[in-house]
Protein backbone atom coordinates (compact mmCIF):
# COMPACT_ATOMS: atom_id res chain seq x y z
CA MET A 1 2.07 23.23 -97.10
CA PRO A 2 2.09 26.72 -98.68
CA ILE A 3 5.90 26.74 -98.58
CA VAL A 4 5.93 23.60 -100.74
CA LEU A 5 3.66 25.26 -103.31
CA PHE A 6 5.88 28.35 -103.28
CA LEU A 7 8.98 26.23 -103.85
CA ILE A 8 7.31 24.41 -106.73
CA LEU A 9 6.39 27.76 -108.27
CA VAL A 10 9.97 29.01 -107.89
CA ILE A 11 11.30 25.89 -109.58
CA LEU A 12 8.84 26.31 -112.45
CA VAL A 13 9.90 29.92 -112.94
CA ALA A 14 13.55 28.90 -112.91
CA GLN A 15 12.97 26.21 -115.52
CA PHE A 16 10.47 27.75 -117.91
CA GLY A 17 10.61 31.48 -117.32
CA PHE A 18 8.00 33.79 -115.85
CA TRP A 19 5.47 34.03 -118.68
CA ASP A 20 5.33 30.31 -119.41
CA THR A 21 4.83 29.62 -115.71
CA PHE A 22 2.21 32.37 -115.48
CA GLN A 23 0.31 30.82 -118.41
CA GLY A 24 0.54 27.40 -116.77
CA VAL A 25 -0.83 28.70 -113.47
CA LEU A 26 -3.65 30.56 -115.24
CA GLY A 27 -4.44 27.42 -117.23
CA ALA A 28 -4.63 25.35 -114.06
CA VAL A 29 -6.92 27.92 -112.43
CA GLY A 30 -9.08 27.91 -115.56
CA VAL A 31 -9.40 24.13 -115.45
CA VAL A 32 -10.45 24.25 -111.79
CA VAL A 33 -13.05 26.96 -112.55
CA LEU A 34 -14.45 24.94 -115.45
CA LEU A 35 -14.59 21.80 -113.29
CA VAL A 36 -16.55 23.65 -110.60
CA ALA A 37 -18.93 25.03 -113.24
CA LEU A 38 -19.42 21.52 -114.63
CA LEU A 39 -20.17 20.14 -111.16
CA ILE A 40 -22.69 22.91 -110.50
CA ALA A 41 -24.40 22.26 -113.85
CA ALA A 42 -24.50 18.50 -113.18
CA GLY A 43 -25.97 19.14 -109.73
CA ALA A 44 -28.63 21.41 -111.20
CA VAL A 45 -29.59 18.77 -113.76
CA GLY A 46 -29.73 16.12 -111.02
CA VAL A 47 -31.92 18.29 -108.80
CA GLY A 48 -34.17 19.02 -111.78
CA MET A 49 -34.58 15.31 -112.50
CA VAL A 50 -35.40 14.56 -108.85
CA MET A 51 -37.92 17.39 -108.70
CA LYS A 52 -39.56 16.15 -111.92
CA ARG A 53 -39.95 12.64 -110.47
CA MET A 54 -41.40 13.92 -107.21
CA ARG A 55 -44.21 15.70 -109.02
């Protein structure tokens, strides 16, 4: 599986150039980080609501 990701990255560099590909990869990583942060925040709100009801 990692070889497929490497080949996709090589193709992107060949098509768009290094810096455009680098920005795309950083953007994708940023989206994943924001999604994880959103899931953690939603989980915290859910736990808070459950704890409030149990009181």
